Protein backbone atom coordinates (compact mmCIF):
# COMPACT_ATOMS: atom_id res chain seq x y z
CA MET A 1 -22.18 210.07 -70.68
CA THR A 2 -21.55 206.64 -69.26
CA GLU A 3 -17.74 206.64 -69.51
CA ARG A 4 -17.15 209.80 -67.50
CA PRO A 5 -20.47 210.90 -65.83
CA ASP A 6 -18.51 213.10 -63.48
CA LEU A 7 -17.66 215.53 -66.42
CA PHE A 8 -21.22 216.62 -67.13
CA VAL A 9 -24.33 217.85 -65.40
CA ALA A 10 -26.51 216.89 -68.33
CA THR A 11 -26.42 215.30 -71.82
CA ALA A 12 -28.77 215.38 -74.74
CA PRO A 13 -28.09 212.65 -77.30
CA MET A 14 -29.96 213.51 -80.45
CA VAL A 15 -31.17 210.50 -82.51
CA SER A 16 -28.35 208.37 -81.32
CA ALA A 17 -27.63 204.65 -81.44
CA MET A 18 -27.33 203.89 -77.72
CA ASN A 19 -28.17 200.16 -77.83
CA THR A 20 -25.80 198.92 -80.52
CA VAL A 21 -25.99 195.28 -79.35
CA ARG A 22 -29.64 195.26 -80.41
CA MET A 23 -29.14 197.34 -83.59
CA GLU A 24 -29.60 194.41 -85.91
CA GLU A 25 -33.12 193.82 -84.60
CA MET A 26 -34.19 197.36 -85.71
CA PRO A 27 -35.89 197.90 -89.08
CA ASN A 28 -32.80 199.64 -90.59
CA GLY A 29 -30.31 197.54 -88.57
CA PRO A 30 -29.08 194.89 -91.02
CA VAL A 31 -27.83 197.49 -93.48
CA ASN A 32 -25.56 198.94 -90.73
CA THR A 33 -23.67 195.72 -90.04
CA PRO A 34 -20.95 196.46 -92.57
CA GLU A 35 -20.20 199.68 -90.73
CA PHE A 36 -20.81 198.75 -87.11
CA GLY A 37 -20.44 194.96 -87.18
CA THR A 38 -22.64 192.06 -86.24
CA VAL A 39 -23.40 190.33 -82.95
CA LYS A 40 -22.89 187.01 -84.84
CA ASP A 41 -19.07 187.57 -85.00
CA PRO A 42 -17.44 187.35 -81.57
CA GLU A 43 -14.88 190.08 -82.34
CA GLU A 44 -17.38 192.47 -83.76
CA PHE A 45 -19.73 191.78 -80.84
CA LYS A 46 -16.97 192.97 -78.45
CA GLY A 47 -16.94 196.33 -80.34
CA LEU A 48 -20.65 196.63 -80.33
CA LEU A 49 -20.81 195.93 -76.52
CA GLU A 50 -18.15 198.61 -75.94
CA MET A 51 -20.20 201.15 -77.91
CA ASP A 52 -23.46 200.19 -76.27
CA SER A 53 -24.39 202.91 -73.69
CA TYR A 54 -27.03 200.80 -72.09
CA HIS A 55 -24.72 197.94 -71.29
CA GLN A 56 -22.12 200.41 -69.85
CA LEU A 57 -24.50 201.53 -67.04
CA GLU A 58 -23.03 200.79 -63.59
CA PRO A 59 -25.15 200.04 -60.58
CA SER A 60 -25.05 202.69 -57.75
CA THR A 61 -23.53 205.30 -60.07
CA ASP A 62 -24.91 208.85 -59.97
CA TYR A 63 -25.58 209.69 -63.57
CA HIS A 64 -26.52 213.18 -64.65
CA ALA A 65 -29.78 214.33 -66.13
CA THR A 66 -30.31 213.02 -69.74
CA LEU A 67 -32.66 214.16 -72.46
CA ILE A 68 -32.95 211.54 -75.13
CA LYS A 69 -34.51 212.60 -78.36
CA ALA A 70 -35.60 210.40 -81.26
CA GLY A 71 -37.12 211.07 -84.63
CA ILE A 72 -40.62 209.65 -84.61
CA TYR A 73 -40.55 209.07 -88.38
CA ASP A 74 -36.92 208.06 -88.49
CA PRO A 75 -36.76 204.22 -89.06
CA ARG A 76 -32.93 204.22 -88.63
CA VAL A 77 -33.05 204.72 -84.84
CA ILE A 78 -36.03 203.31 -83.00
CA ALA A 79 -37.33 205.48 -80.19
CA TRP A 80 -37.58 202.76 -77.69
C-alpha cells in the first residue's frame, strides 16, 4: 500500500504489523525479535525500517482509502 499506491483504490490490512520499528514496545513484541529482528542491531533495524509501513509514507503522496482492522483482544498487534 505504501510501495505502489498507484496500483490500488483501497486496501484493508487485517491485524497487521505496520509499525515494525516499535514492535518491541508492544506487549508481545519481545518474543517476535527472533523472527523479525531487533532495533538494537543496526542491520536488523534496517530490515525493520524497510518493513515499517508508517515510516514509508511520503509527504504529498495521494494514498488510497485504507480500512485498518485490529483485534481488540489480540495482544500480539496493538490497535494504536
